[in-house]
Amino acid sequence: MSEKIFGKFQNIKQVGKRRWKALCPAHNDTNPSLSITKGDRAWLIKCWSGCDIKDICEAVDLKVQDLWFDGSKPSQMDRKQQEHLELQRTIIFIHENSINPLTEADKAEYKKAKRILSE
């Protein structure tokens, strides 16, 4: 399955145990803004420039359903888990791209997010 996903994106680089960055195919990306995370049940894909997941999938001839390991559609619980992971990825992104020093509370959230996404 990972070949089906990874073969679709350009300039893909692993940046964590279950995380990759790539050029977003839905816009004229020159600096990798696409985040790809291997979740428990699906590939989690986010463009930090704001492209919609449907546009990203369409640009590489995938259906959103193809991102699920078993081909199923997400349940309400899956959506809540995705939202939680999205928050964690946002925390990591802000930390890794921040110019200003983070507070101790922000550093703790960053460490928690890294731990959650590496599980």
C-alpha atoms as a PDB file:
ATOM      1  CA  MET A   1       0.000   0.000   0.000  1.00  0.00           C
ATOM      2  CA  SER A   2       2.774   2.445   0.807  1.00  0.00           C
ATOM      3  CA  GLU A   3       4.121   2.097  -2.745  1.00  0.00           C
ATOM      4  CA  LYS A   4       0.677   3.111  -4.026  1.00  0.00           C
ATOM      5  CA  ILE A   5       0.846   6.261  -1.907  1.00  0.00           C
ATOM      6  CA  PHE A   6       4.538   7.143  -2.094  1.00  0.00           C
ATOM      7  CA  GLY A   7       4.769   6.607  -5.829  1.00  0.00           C
ATOM      8  CA  LYS A   8       2.256   9.414  -6.334  1.00  0.00           C
ATOM      9  CA  PHE A   9       4.231  12.246  -4.719  1.00  0.00           C
ATOM     10  CA  GLN A  10       7.383  14.125  -5.728  1.00  0.00           C
ATOM     11  CA  ASN A  11      10.399  14.977  -3.587  1.00  0.00           C
ATOM     12  CA  ILE A  12       9.234  12.734  -0.746  1.00  0.00           C
ATOM     13  CA  LYS A  13      11.508  12.593   2.307  1.00  0.00           C
ATOM     14  CA  GLN A  14      11.089  10.798   5.598  1.00  0.00           C
ATOM     15  CA  VAL A  15      11.120  13.214   8.547  1.00  0.00           C
ATOM     16  CA  GLY A  16      10.071  10.883  11.366  1.00  0.00           C
ATOM     17  CA  LYS A  17       9.289   7.288  12.221  1.00  0.00           C
ATOM     18  CA  ARG A  18       5.916   7.433  10.465  1.00  0.00           C
ATOM     19  CA  ARG A  19       6.092  10.878   8.842  1.00  0.00           C
ATOM     20  CA  TRP A  20       7.151  12.198   5.436  1.00  0.00           C
ATOM     21  CA  LYS A  21       7.171  15.519   3.584  1.00  0.00           C
ATOM     22  CA  ALA A  22       6.608  15.976  -0.137  1.00  0.00           C
ATOM     23  CA  LEU A  23       5.698  18.557  -2.736  1.00  0.00           C
ATOM     24  CA  CYS A  24       1.955  19.120  -2.805  1.00  0.00           C
ATOM     25  CA  PRO A  25       0.561  18.077  -6.194  1.00  0.00           C
ATOM     26  CA  ALA A  26      -2.517  20.305  -5.835  1.00  0.00           C
ATOM     27  CA  HIS A  27      -0.607  23.579  -6.171  1.00  0.00           C
ATOM     28  CA  ASN A  28       2.645  24.832  -7.677  1.00  0.00           C
ATOM     29  CA  ASP A  29       4.720  23.720  -4.682  1.00  0.00           C
ATOM     30  CA  THR A  30       8.465  24.385  -4.664  1.00  0.00           C
ATOM     31  CA  ASN A  31       9.093  23.887  -0.938  1.00  0.00           C
ATOM     32  CA  PRO A  32       7.610  20.646   0.457  1.00  0.00           C
ATOM     33  CA  SER A  33       4.400  21.670   2.196  1.00  0.00           C
ATOM     34  CA  LEU A  34       2.682  18.284   2.171  1.00  0.00           C
ATOM     35  CA  SER A  35       2.775  16.253   5.371  1.00  0.00           C
ATOM     36  CA  ILE A  36       2.140  12.501   5.150  1.00  0.00           C
ATOM     37  CA  THR A  37       1.683  10.470   8.332  1.00  0.00           C
ATOM     38  CA  LYS A  38       1.022   6.750   8.605  1.00  0.00           C
ATOM     39  CA  GLY A  39      -1.853   6.545  11.066  1.00  0.00           C
ATOM     40  CA  ASP A  40      -3.294   3.428  12.662  1.00  0.00           C
ATOM     41  CA  ARG A  41      -5.953   2.954   9.974  1.00  0.00           C
ATOM     42  CA  ALA A  42      -5.123   5.410   7.221  1.00  0.00           C
ATOM     43  CA  TRP A  43      -2.593   7.725   5.618  1.00  0.00           C
ATOM     44  CA  LEU A  44      -3.067  11.226   7.034  1.00  0.00           C
ATOM     45  CA  ILE A  45      -2.262  13.875   4.442  1.00  0.00           C
ATOM     46  CA  LYS A  46      -2.171  17.630   5.029  1.00  0.00           C
ATOM     47  CA  CYS A  47      -1.019  20.508   2.863  1.00  0.00           C
ATOM     48  CA  TRP A  48       0.307  23.316   5.048  1.00  0.00           C
ATOM     49  CA  SER A  49      -0.458  25.771   2.244  1.00  0.00           C
ATOM     50  CA  GLY A  50      -4.149  24.978   2.651  1.00  0.00           C
ATOM     51  CA  CYS A  51      -5.021  22.621  -0.212  1.00  0.00           C
ATOM     52  CA  ASP A  52      -8.073  20.419   0.345  1.00  0.00           C
ATOM     53  CA  ILE A  53      -7.497  16.666   0.724  1.00  0.00           C
ATOM     54  CA  LYS A  54      -9.876  15.982  -2.173  1.00  0.00           C
ATOM     55  CA  ASP A  55      -7.834  18.252  -4.475  1.00  0.00           C
ATOM     56  CA  ILE A  56      -4.593  16.586  -3.368  1.00  0.00           C
ATOM     57  CA  CYS A  57      -5.961  13.099  -4.027  1.00  0.00           C
ATOM     58  CA  GLU A  58      -7.469  14.118  -7.363  1.00  0.00           C
ATOM     59  CA  ALA A  59      -4.125  15.598  -8.502  1.00  0.00           C
ATOM     60  CA  VAL A  60      -2.433  12.194  -8.069  1.00  0.00           C
ATOM     61  CA  ASP A  61      -5.340  10.050  -9.265  1.00  0.00           C
ATOM     62  CA  LEU A  62      -6.333   8.773  -5.819  1.00  0.00           C
ATOM     63  CA  LYS A  63      -9.666   8.723  -4.021  1.00  0.00           C
ATOM     64  CA  VAL A  64      -9.806   9.817  -0.392  1.00  0.00           C
ATOM     65  CA  GLN A  65     -11.037   6.299   0.354  1.00  0.00           C
ATOM     66  CA  ASP A  66      -7.701   4.952  -0.994  1.00  0.00           C
ATOM     67  CA  LEU A  67      -5.959   6.489   2.013  1.00  0.00           C
ATOM     68  CA  TRP A  68      -7.682   4.022   4.354  1.00  0.00           C
ATOM     69  CA  PHE A  69      -5.726   0.793   4.737  1.00  0.00           C
ATOM     70  CA  ASP A  70      -8.833  -1.372   4.366  1.00  0.00           C
ATOM     71  CA  GLY A  71     -10.523   0.899   1.803  1.00  0.00           C
ATOM     72  CA  SER A  72     -13.338   1.786   4.196  1.00  0.00           C
ATOM     73  CA  LYS A  73     -14.748   5.202   4.937  1.00  0.00           C
ATOM     74  CA  PRO A  74     -13.901   6.889   8.238  1.00  0.00           C
ATOM     75  CA  SER A  75     -16.290   6.568  11.152  1.00  0.00           C
ATOM     76  CA  GLN A  76     -17.124   9.449  13.479  1.00  0.00           C
ATOM     77  CA  MET A  77     -14.547   8.154  15.975  1.00  0.00           C
ATOM     78  CA  ASP A  78     -11.928   8.013  13.228  1.00  0.00           C
ATOM     79  CA  ARG A  79     -12.661  11.651  12.387  1.00  0.00           C
ATOM     80  CA  LYS A  80     -12.158  12.659  16.017  1.00  0.00           C
ATOM     81  CA  GLN A  81      -8.873  10.759  16.112  1.00  0.00           C
ATOM     82  CA  GLN A  82      -7.833  12.454  12.883  1.00  0.00           C
ATOM     83  CA  GLU A  83      -8.656  15.863  14.340  1.00  0.00           C
ATOM     84  CA  HIS A  84      -6.540  15.046  17.390  1.00  0.00           C
ATOM     85  CA  LEU A  85      -3.617  13.944  15.217  1.00  0.00           C
ATOM     86  CA  GLU A  86      -4.055  17.057  13.095  1.00  0.00           C
ATOM     87  CA  LEU A  87      -3.706  19.174  16.229  1.00  0.00           C
ATOM     88  CA  GLN A  88      -0.567  17.280  17.209  1.00  0.00           C
ATOM     89  CA  ARG A  89       0.932  17.759  13.738  1.00  0.00           C
ATOM     90  CA  THR A  90       0.131  21.468  13.906  1.00  0.00           C
ATOM     91  CA  ILE A  91       1.960  21.721  17.234  1.00  0.00           C
ATOM     92  CA  ILE A  92       5.005  20.008  15.705  1.00  0.00           C
ATOM     93  CA  PHE A  93       4.892  22.238  12.624  1.00  0.00           C
ATOM     94  CA  ILE A  94       4.725  25.413  14.709  1.00  0.00           C
ATOM     95  CA  HIS A  95       7.587  24.262  16.921  1.00  0.00           C
ATOM     96  CA  GLU A  96       9.813  23.257  14.025  1.00  0.00           C
ATOM     97  CA  ASN A  97       9.163  26.515  12.154  1.00  0.00           C
ATOM     98  CA  SER A  98       9.083  28.960  15.070  1.00  0.00           C
ATOM     99  CA  ILE A  99      11.581  31.811  15.257  1.00  0.00           C
ATOM    100  CA  ASN A 100      10.640  32.742  18.815  1.00  0.00           C
ATOM    101  CA  PRO A 101      11.555  30.530  21.783  1.00  0.00           C
ATOM    102  CA  LEU A 102       8.705  28.371  23.031  1.00  0.00           C
ATOM    103  CA  THR A 103       7.320  28.462  26.554  1.00  0.00           C
ATOM    104  CA  GLU A 104       7.845  25.441  28.787  1.00  0.00           C
ATOM    105  CA  ALA A 105       4.160  24.521  28.287  1.00  0.00           C
ATOM    106  CA  ASP A 106       4.606  24.669  24.495  1.00  0.00           C
ATOM    107  CA  LYS A 107       7.747  22.524  24.735  1.00  0.00           C
ATOM    108  CA  ALA A 108       5.799  19.962  26.774  1.00  0.00           C
ATOM    109  CA  GLU A 109       3.012  19.917  24.147  1.00  0.00           C
ATOM    110  CA  TYR A 110       5.635  19.498  21.412  1.00  0.00           C
ATOM    111  CA  LYS A 111       7.214  16.507  23.190  1.00  0.00           C
ATOM    112  CA  LYS A 112       3.768  14.983  23.750  1.00  0.00           C
ATOM    113  CA  ALA A 113       2.861  15.464  20.077  1.00  0.00           C
ATOM    114  CA  LYS A 114       6.142  13.882  18.908  1.00  0.00           C
ATOM    115  CA  ARG A 115       5.530  10.901  21.212  1.00  0.00           C
ATOM    116  CA  ILE A 116       1.946  10.420  20.008  1.00  0.00           C
ATOM    117  CA  LEU A 117       2.914  10.556  16.340  1.00  0.00           C
ATOM    118  CA  SER A 118       5.846   8.172  16.796  1.00  0.00           C
ATOM    119  CA  GLU A 119       3.661   5.446  18.352  1.00  0.00           C
END
